[in-house]
């Protein structure tokens, strides 16, 4: 969801020499923004045990990752699916390690994912049309008045404009050696390799339901404790995977 703003208070004109000087000298102005100014979590259905959609609010626009330019001052409210049911695949392109892998994301293969995003978009539109935004809301830029709230219209819009957010995880899954997909054990040691650990978001065995910054810090701090405490016996390994889940 993107709305044109009635006042010149978005980040549309933030990148200027004047604002850079203002930030460097006084630490004030639009360049102090973290872009994601606000957010929230919701359940799109009463049957969801935990929130399945996260909202990001920004005093700017996120259309095509910002590459599609909007001249007007604008703000966005973006529903993000955080517990997808669809599963894709990644395979080797060839035996040459320099060749990029083949990635098939397989978005929306499970119809439950589209239903969740459709409902998330409806709720975003309802929030955007509240009185709290009235003095800032000029017109709806995206999806725009031509896109109604019915499932068919919203699904078509989502299929055209949905994009991946910036927090991938899980390429070096943590798990026991009997798990053929696991790369590291519960002390983050690479299976079958001496003296090597992986300490970042790639070891997460499941996609966290939100931003990855905090859980990645937690993994790093836990890894530091593990390294300082020295090697442990297998039966004493901490169950880090349960903590992440």
C-alpha atoms as a PDB file:
ATOM      1  CA  UNK A   1       0.000   0.000   0.000  1.00  0.00           C
ATOM      2  CA  UNK A   2       1.397   3.404  -0.991  1.00  0.00           C
ATOM      3  CA  UNK A   3      -0.274   6.767  -0.487  1.00  0.00           C
ATOM      4  CA  UNK A   4       0.626  10.200  -1.757  1.00  0.00           C
ATOM      5  CA  UNK A   5       1.291  12.452   1.216  1.00  0.00           C
ATOM      6  CA  UNK A   6      -0.361  15.855   1.508  1.00  0.00           C
ATOM      7  CA  UNK A   7       2.694  17.355   3.193  1.00  0.00           C
ATOM      8  CA  UNK A   8       6.397  17.359   2.159  1.00  0.00           C
ATOM      9  CA  UNK A   9       7.474  15.281   5.159  1.00  0.00           C
ATOM     10  CA  UNK A  10       8.448  11.963   3.577  1.00  0.00           C
ATOM     11  CA  UNK A  11      11.921  10.793   2.597  1.00  0.00           C
ATOM     12  CA  UNK A  12      11.383  11.772  -1.052  1.00  0.00           C
ATOM     13  CA  UNK A  13      13.707  14.769  -0.717  1.00  0.00           C
ATOM     14  CA  UNK A  14      15.921  13.404   2.064  1.00  0.00           C
ATOM     15  CA  UNK A  15      19.004  12.864  -0.103  1.00  0.00           C
ATOM     16  CA  UNK A  16      20.290  16.405  -0.409  1.00  0.00           C
ATOM     17  CA  UNK A  17      23.464  18.260   0.526  1.00  0.00           C
ATOM     18  CA  UNK A  18      21.510  20.416   2.985  1.00  0.00           C
ATOM     19  CA  UNK A  19      20.112  17.409   4.806  1.00  0.00           C
ATOM     20  CA  UNK A  20      23.507  15.727   4.848  1.00  0.00           C
ATOM     21  CA  UNK A  21      25.058  18.813   6.466  1.00  0.00           C
ATOM     22  CA  UNK A  22      22.167  18.978   8.909  1.00  0.00           C
ATOM     23  CA  UNK A  23      22.712  15.367   9.903  1.00  0.00           C
ATOM     24  CA  UNK A  24      26.508  15.629  10.161  1.00  0.00           C
ATOM     25  CA  UNK A  25      26.354  18.834  12.195  1.00  0.00           C
ATOM     26  CA  UNK A  26      23.302  18.373  14.393  1.00  0.00           C
ATOM     27  CA  UNK A  27      22.182  14.722  13.983  1.00  0.00           C
ATOM     28  CA  UNK A  28      18.697  15.914  13.032  1.00  0.00           C
ATOM     29  CA  UNK A  29      16.536  15.873   9.924  1.00  0.00           C
ATOM     30  CA  UNK A  30      15.227  13.166   7.578  1.00  0.00           C
ATOM     31  CA  UNK A  31      18.558  11.313   7.381  1.00  0.00           C
ATOM     32  CA  UNK A  32      18.060  10.232  11.006  1.00  0.00           C
ATOM     33  CA  UNK A  33      15.215   8.001   9.808  1.00  0.00           C
ATOM     34  CA  UNK A  34      15.666   4.233   9.953  1.00  0.00           C
ATOM     35  CA  UNK A  35      13.200   4.066   6.997  1.00  0.00           C
ATOM     36  CA  UNK A  36      11.118   1.386   8.722  1.00  0.00           C
ATOM     37  CA  UNK A  37       9.540   3.860  11.126  1.00  0.00           C
ATOM     38  CA  UNK A  38       6.862   1.560  12.539  1.00  0.00           C
ATOM     39  CA  UNK A  39       5.549  -1.963  12.325  1.00  0.00           C
ATOM     40  CA  UNK A  40       3.270  -4.549  13.805  1.00  0.00           C
ATOM     41  CA  UNK A  41       2.203  -8.183  13.735  1.00  0.00           C
ATOM     42  CA  UNK A  42      -1.263  -9.599  13.126  1.00  0.00           C
ATOM     43  CA  UNK A  43      -3.109 -12.858  12.645  1.00  0.00           C
ATOM     44  CA  UNK A  44      -4.980 -12.799   9.353  1.00  0.00           C
ATOM     45  CA  UNK A  45      -7.190 -15.613  10.630  1.00  0.00           C
ATOM     46  CA  UNK A  46      -8.450 -16.644  14.041  1.00  0.00           C
ATOM     47  CA  UNK A  47      -7.106 -20.129  13.293  1.00  0.00           C
ATOM     48  CA  UNK A  48      -3.496 -18.862  13.222  1.00  0.00           C
ATOM     49  CA  UNK A  49      -1.673 -19.900  16.411  1.00  0.00           C
ATOM     50  CA  UNK A  50       0.778 -17.003  15.997  1.00  0.00           C
ATOM     51  CA  UNK A  51       0.908 -13.862  13.813  1.00  0.00           C
ATOM     52  CA  UNK A  52       1.436 -14.699  10.148  1.00  0.00           C
ATOM     53  CA  UNK A  53       1.794 -11.168   8.730  1.00  0.00           C
ATOM     54  CA  UNK A  54       4.188  -8.401   9.716  1.00  0.00           C
ATOM     55  CA  UNK A  55       3.623  -4.773   8.705  1.00  0.00           C
ATOM     56  CA  UNK A  56       6.347  -2.309   7.798  1.00  0.00           C
ATOM     57  CA  UNK A  57       5.500   1.389   7.697  1.00  0.00           C
ATOM     58  CA  UNK A  58       7.835   3.753   5.892  1.00  0.00           C
ATOM     59  CA  UNK A  59       7.733   7.461   5.007  1.00  0.00           C
ATOM     60  CA  UNK A  60       8.657   6.514   1.448  1.00  0.00           C
ATOM     61  CA  UNK A  61       7.812   3.828  -1.097  1.00  0.00           C
ATOM     62  CA  UNK A  62       8.854   0.225  -1.592  1.00  0.00           C
ATOM     63  CA  UNK A  63       7.650  -0.386  -5.134  1.00  0.00           C
ATOM     64  CA  UNK A  64      10.163  -2.661  -6.888  1.00  0.00           C
ATOM     65  CA  UNK A  65      12.570  -2.171  -3.970  1.00  0.00           C
ATOM     66  CA  UNK A  66      12.509   1.563  -4.566  1.00  0.00           C
ATOM     67  CA  UNK A  67      13.664   1.348  -8.187  1.00  0.00           C
ATOM     68  CA  UNK A  68      10.266   2.505  -9.459  1.00  0.00           C
ATOM     69  CA  UNK A  69      10.432   6.194  -8.732  1.00  0.00           C
ATOM     70  CA  UNK A  70       7.510   8.240  -7.426  1.00  0.00           C
ATOM     71  CA  UNK A  71       7.939  11.999  -7.671  1.00  0.00           C
ATOM     72  CA  UNK A  72       5.361  12.776  -5.009  1.00  0.00           C
ATOM     73  CA  UNK A  73       5.928  12.602  -1.288  1.00  0.00           C
ATOM     74  CA  UNK A  74       4.523   9.239  -0.262  1.00  0.00           C
ATOM     75  CA  UNK A  75       4.321   6.707   2.534  1.00  0.00           C
ATOM     76  CA  UNK A  76       3.855   2.954   2.496  1.00  0.00           C
ATOM     77  CA  UNK A  77       2.281   0.238   4.601  1.00  0.00           C
ATOM     78  CA  UNK A  78       3.551  -3.178   3.549  1.00  0.00           C
ATOM     79  CA  UNK A  79       2.113  -6.538   4.655  1.00  0.00           C
ATOM     80  CA  UNK A  80       4.803  -9.225   4.796  1.00  0.00           C
ATOM     81  CA  UNK A  81       4.099 -12.957   4.957  1.00  0.00           C
ATOM     82  CA  UNK A  82       6.340 -14.306   7.736  1.00  0.00           C
ATOM     83  CA  UNK A  83       5.230 -17.939   7.964  1.00  0.00           C
ATOM     84  CA  UNK A  84       4.945 -19.181   4.377  1.00  0.00           C
ATOM     85  CA  UNK A  85       3.620 -22.637   3.664  1.00  0.00           C
ATOM     86  CA  UNK A  86       5.011 -22.789   0.128  1.00  0.00           C
ATOM     87  CA  UNK A  87       8.357 -24.502  -0.384  1.00  0.00           C
ATOM     88  CA  UNK A  88      10.809 -23.921  -3.190  1.00  0.00           C
ATOM     89  CA  UNK A  89      14.080 -25.594  -4.028  1.00  0.00           C
ATOM     90  CA  UNK A  90      17.706 -24.778  -4.710  1.00  0.00           C
ATOM     91  CA  UNK A  91      19.947 -27.096  -6.703  1.00  0.00           C
ATOM     92  CA  UNK A  92      23.399 -27.079  -8.234  1.00  0.00           C
ATOM     93  CA  UNK A  93      23.588 -25.802 -11.789  1.00  0.00           C
ATOM     94  CA  UNK A  94      26.648 -27.905 -12.593  1.00  0.00           C
ATOM     95  CA  UNK A  95      29.766 -29.408 -11.048  1.00  0.00           C
ATOM     96  CA  UNK A  96      31.518 -26.053 -11.464  1.00  0.00           C
ATOM     97  CA  UNK A  97      31.501 -24.313  -8.045  1.00  0.00           C
ATOM     98  CA  UNK A  98      31.655 -20.919  -9.760  1.00  0.00           C
ATOM     99  CA  UNK A  99      28.292 -21.407 -11.490  1.00  0.00           C
ATOM    100  CA  UNK A 100      25.363 -19.768  -9.733  1.00  0.00           C
ATOM    101  CA  UNK A 101      22.856 -22.230  -8.252  1.00  0.00           C
ATOM    102  CA  UNK A 102      19.395 -22.821  -9.657  1.00  0.00           C
ATOM    103  CA  UNK A 103      16.803 -21.250  -7.369  1.00  0.00           C
ATOM    104  CA  UNK A 104      13.079 -21.822  -7.693  1.00  0.00           C
ATOM    105  CA  UNK A 105      11.344 -19.847  -4.949  1.00  0.00           C
ATOM    106  CA  UNK A 106       7.905 -21.300  -5.775  1.00  0.00           C
ATOM    107  CA  UNK A 107       6.035 -18.401  -4.173  1.00  0.00           C
ATOM    108  CA  UNK A 108       2.306 -18.899  -3.533  1.00  0.00           C
ATOM    109  CA  UNK A 109       2.419 -22.571  -4.497  1.00  0.00           C
ATOM    110  CA  UNK A 110       0.352 -23.134  -1.362  1.00  0.00           C
ATOM    111  CA  UNK A 111      -2.949 -21.205  -1.689  1.00  0.00           C
ATOM    112  CA  UNK A 112      -2.910 -20.412   2.042  1.00  0.00           C
ATOM    113  CA  UNK A 113      -0.067 -17.981   1.425  1.00  0.00           C
ATOM    114  CA  UNK A 114      -2.032 -15.952  -1.101  1.00  0.00           C
ATOM    115  CA  UNK A 115      -5.064 -15.911   1.210  1.00  0.00           C
ATOM    116  CA  UNK A 116      -2.925 -14.516   4.035  1.00  0.00           C
ATOM    117  CA  UNK A 117      -1.381 -11.760   1.900  1.00  0.00           C
ATOM    118  CA  UNK A 118      -4.757 -10.830   0.416  1.00  0.00           C
ATOM    119  CA  UNK A 119      -6.174 -10.411   3.907  1.00  0.00           C
ATOM    120  CA  UNK A 120      -3.041  -8.564   4.994  1.00  0.00           C
ATOM    121  CA  UNK A 121      -3.516  -6.131   2.117  1.00  0.00           C
ATOM    122  CA  UNK A 122      -7.171  -5.597   2.978  1.00  0.00           C
ATOM    123  CA  UNK A 123      -6.249  -4.799   6.564  1.00  0.00           C
ATOM    124  CA  UNK A 124      -3.443  -2.484   5.385  1.00  0.00           C
ATOM    125  CA  UNK A 125      -5.930  -0.601   3.241  1.00  0.00           C
ATOM    126  CA  UNK A 126      -8.352  -0.331   6.164  1.00  0.00           C
ATOM    127  CA  UNK A 127      -5.560   1.088   8.347  1.00  0.00           C
ATOM    128  CA  UNK A 128      -4.530   3.509   5.625  1.00  0.00           C
ATOM    129  CA  UNK A 129      -8.075   4.831   5.345  1.00  0.00           C
ATOM    130  CA  UNK A 130      -8.519   5.575   9.054  1.00  0.00           C
ATOM    131  CA  UNK A 131      -8.984   9.097  10.403  1.00  0.00           C
ATOM    132  CA  UNK A 132      -5.504   8.993  11.934  1.00  0.00           C
ATOM    133  CA  UNK A 133      -4.032   9.295   8.423  1.00  0.00           C
ATOM    134  CA  UNK A 134      -6.614  11.764   7.100  1.00  0.00           C
ATOM    135  CA  UNK A 135      -4.438  14.885   7.273  1.00  0.00           C
ATOM    136  CA  UNK A 136      -1.572  13.102   5.504  1.00  0.00           C
ATOM    137  CA  UNK A 137      -3.511  10.981   2.990  1.00  0.00           C
ATOM    138  CA  UNK A 138      -4.002  12.520  -0.444  1.00  0.00           C
ATOM    139  CA  UNK A 139      -4.626   9.588  -2.774  1.00  0.00           C
ATOM    140  CA  UNK A 140      -3.928   5.892  -2.900  1.00  0.00           C
ATOM    141  CA  UNK A 141      -1.069   5.304  -5.339  1.00  0.00           C
ATOM    142  CA  UNK A 142      -0.874   1.522  -4.937  1.00  0.00           C
ATOM    143  CA  UNK A 143      -2.818  -0.632  -5.486  1.00  0.00           C
ATOM    144  CA  UNK A 144      -4.906   2.397  -6.507  1.00  0.00           C
ATOM    145  CA  UNK A 145      -8.678   2.951  -6.719  1.00  0.00           C
ATOM    146  CA  UNK A 146      -8.893   0.653  -9.744  1.00  0.00           C
ATOM    147  CA  UNK A 147      -8.057  -2.376  -7.600  1.00  0.00           C
ATOM    148  CA  UNK A 148     -11.059  -3.401  -5.524  1.00  0.00           C
ATOM    149  CA  UNK A 149     -10.993  -5.385  -2.295  1.00  0.00           C
ATOM    150  CA  UNK A 150     -12.218  -8.644  -3.831  1.00  0.00           C
ATOM    151  CA  UNK A 151      -9.885 -11.638  -3.764  1.00  0.00           C
ATOM    152  CA  UNK A 152      -9.422 -11.841  -7.543  1.00  0.00           C
ATOM    153  CA  UNK A 153      -8.361  -8.207  -7.924  1.00  0.00           C
ATOM    154  CA  UNK A 154      -6.007  -8.259  -4.932  1.00  0.00           C
ATOM    155  CA  UNK A 155      -4.496 -11.619  -5.945  1.00  0.00           C
ATOM    156  CA  UNK A 156      -3.688 -10.302  -9.429  1.00  0.00           C
ATOM    157  CA  UNK A 157      -2.094  -7.199  -7.916  1.00  0.00           C
ATOM    158  CA  UNK A 158      -0.042  -9.283  -5.473  1.00  0.00           C
ATOM    159  CA  UNK A 159       1.173 -11.626  -8.214  1.00  0.00           C
ATOM    160  CA  UNK A 160       2.423  -8.603 -10.147  1.00  0.00           C
ATOM    161  CA  UNK A 161       4.012  -6.593  -7.338  1.00  0.00           C
ATOM    162  CA  UNK A 162       4.977  -9.010  -4.560  1.00  0.00           C
ATOM    163  CA  UNK A 163       8.696  -9.035  -3.830  1.00  0.00           C
ATOM    164  CA  UNK A 164      11.126 -10.760  -1.501  1.00  0.00           C
ATOM    165  CA  UNK A 165      12.137  -8.981   1.670  1.00  0.00           C
ATOM    166  CA  UNK A 166      15.764  -8.753   2.748  1.00  0.00           C
ATOM    167  CA  UNK A 167      16.253 -11.320   5.493  1.00  0.00           C
ATOM    168  CA  UNK A 168      17.018 -14.780   4.057  1.00  0.00           C
ATOM    169  CA  UNK A 169      18.056 -17.516   6.481  1.00  0.00           C
ATOM    170  CA  UNK A 170      18.666 -21.234   6.688  1.00  0.00           C
ATOM    171  CA  UNK A 171      21.254 -22.062   4.027  1.00  0.00           C
ATOM    172  CA  UNK A 172      23.414 -23.861   6.633  1.00  0.00           C
ATOM    173  CA  UNK A 173      20.668 -25.473   8.686  1.00  0.00           C
ATOM    174  CA  UNK A 174      21.425 -26.496  12.261  1.00  0.00           C
ATOM    175  CA  UNK A 175      20.557 -30.050  13.239  1.00  0.00           C
ATOM    176  CA  UNK A 176      21.934 -33.463  14.209  1.00  0.00           C
ATOM    177  CA  UNK A 177      24.246 -35.395  11.928  1.00  0.00           C
ATOM    178  CA  UNK A 178      21.461 -37.849  11.076  1.00  0.00           C
ATOM    179  CA  UNK A 179      19.598 -34.981   9.378  1.00  0.00           C
ATOM    180  CA  UNK A 180      20.931 -35.037   5.814  1.00  0.00           C
ATOM    181  CA  UNK A 181      19.990 -31.359   5.358  1.00  0.00           C
ATOM    182  CA  UNK A 182      21.815 -30.183   8.485  1.00  0.00           C
ATOM    183  CA  UNK A 183      25.164 -28.444   8.005  1.00  0.00           C
ATOM    184  CA  UNK A 184      26.050 -27.590  11.620  1.00  0.00           C
ATOM    185  CA  UNK A 185      25.358 -29.202  14.995  1.00  0.00           C
ATOM    186  CA  UNK A 186      23.849 -27.513  18.054  1.00  0.00           C
ATOM    187  CA  UNK A 187      27.229 -25.906  18.834  1.00  0.00           C
ATOM    188  CA  UNK A 188      27.371 -24.498  15.291  1.00  0.00           C
ATOM    189  CA  UNK A 189      30.241 -26.824  14.305  1.00  0.00           C
ATOM    190  CA  UNK A 190      30.188 -27.937  10.674  1.00  0.00           C
ATOM    191  CA  UNK A 191      29.484 -31.659  10.470  1.00  0.00           C
ATOM    192  CA  UNK A 192      32.578 -33.569   9.374  1.00  0.00           C
ATOM    193  CA  UNK A 193      34.925 -30.567   9.447  1.00  0.00           C
ATOM    194  CA  UNK A 194      37.280 -29.865  12.328  1.00  0.00           C
ATOM    195  CA  UNK A 195      37.744 -26.336  13.642  1.00  0.00           C
ATOM    196  CA  UNK A 196      34.983 -24.665  11.606  1.00  0.00           C
ATOM    197  CA  UNK A 197      31.759 -23.079  12.844  1.00  0.00           C
ATOM    198  CA  UNK A 198      29.071 -21.063  11.111  1.00  0.00           C
ATOM    199  CA  UNK A 199      27.674 -18.199  13.191  1.00  0.00           C
ATOM    200  CA  UNK A 200      25.021 -16.169  11.384  1.00  0.00           C
ATOM    201  CA  UNK A 201      21.400 -16.327  10.238  1.00  0.00           C
ATOM    202  CA  UNK A 202      22.148 -19.144   7.811  1.00  0.00           C
ATOM    203  CA  UNK A 203      22.130 -21.721  10.638  1.00  0.00           C
ATOM    204  CA  UNK A 204      18.514 -21.051  11.625  1.00  0.00           C
ATOM    205  CA  UNK A 205      16.551 -24.290  11.075  1.00  0.00           C
ATOM    206  CA  UNK A 206      13.271 -22.397  10.659  1.00  0.00           C
ATOM    207  CA  UNK A 207      12.435 -18.955   9.298  1.00  0.00           C
ATOM    208  CA  UNK A 208      11.912 -16.638  12.290  1.00  0.00           C
ATOM    209  CA  UNK A 209       8.574 -14.852  12.400  1.00  0.00           C
ATOM    210  CA  UNK A 210      10.014 -11.350  12.086  1.00  0.00           C
ATOM    211  CA  UNK A 211      13.209  -9.415  11.456  1.00  0.00           C
ATOM    212  CA  UNK A 212      16.406 -11.434  11.783  1.00  0.00           C
ATOM    213  CA  UNK A 213      18.551  -8.845  13.579  1.00  0.00           C
ATOM    214  CA  UNK A 214      17.709  -9.803  17.175  1.00  0.00           C
ATOM    215  CA  UNK A 215      17.866 -13.593  16.718  1.00  0.00           C
ATOM    216  CA  UNK A 216      21.168 -13.256  14.829  1.00  0.00           C
ATOM    217  CA  UNK A 217      22.643 -11.294  17.749  1.00  0.00           C
ATOM    218  CA  UNK A 218      21.380 -14.020  20.071  1.00  0.00           C
ATOM    219  CA  UNK A 219      23.053 -16.715  17.957  1.00  0.00           C
ATOM    220  CA  UNK A 220      26.339 -14.777  17.973  1.00  0.00           C
ATOM    221  CA  UNK A 221      26.292 -14.229  21.726  1.00  0.00           C
ATOM    222  CA  UNK A 222      25.473 -17.905  22.336  1.00  0.00           C
ATOM    223  CA  UNK A 223      28.268 -18.943  19.970  1.00  0.00           C
ATOM    224  CA  UNK A 224      30.735 -16.754  21.849  1.00  0.00           C
ATOM    225  CA  UNK A 225      29.778 -18.500  25.099  1.00  0.00           C
ATOM    226  CA  UNK A 226      30.130 -21.923  23.466  1.00  0.00           C
ATOM    227  CA  UNK A 227      33.564 -21.125  22.069  1.00  0.00           C
ATOM    228  CA  UNK A 228      34.801 -19.714  25.382  1.00  0.00           C
ATOM    229  CA  UNK A 229      33.532 -22.708  27.355  1.00  0.00           C
ATOM    230  CA  UNK A 230      35.431 -25.176  25.185  1.00  0.00           C
ATOM    231  CA  UNK A 231      34.285 -28.455  23.592  1.00  0.00           C
ATOM    232  CA  UNK A 232      31.359 -30.344  25.100  1.00  0.00           C
ATOM    233  CA  UNK A 233      30.300 -33.932  24.957  1.00  0.00           C
ATOM    234  CA  UNK A 234      27.453 -34.785  22.621  1.00  0.00           C
ATOM    235  CA  UNK A 235      24.944 -35.445  25.407  1.00  0.00           C
ATOM    236  CA  UNK A 236      25.681 -32.019  26.888  1.00  0.00           C
ATOM    237  CA  UNK A 237      25.015 -30.064  23.727  1.00  0.00           C
ATOM    238  CA  UNK A 238      22.649 -27.107  24.263  1.00  0.00           C
ATOM    239  CA  UNK A 239      19.362 -27.371  22.425  1.00  0.00           C
ATOM    240  CA  UNK A 240      19.794 -24.126  20.498  1.00  0.00           C
ATOM    241  CA  UNK A 241      17.385 -25.235  17.791  1.00  0.00           C
ATOM    242  CA  UNK A 242      14.493 -25.336  20.271  1.00  0.00           C
ATOM    243  CA  UNK A 243      15.381 -21.821  21.420  1.00  0.00           C
ATOM    244  CA  UNK A 244      15.197 -20.521  17.844  1.00  0.00           C
ATOM    245  CA  UNK A 245      11.927 -22.268  17.083  1.00  0.00           C
END
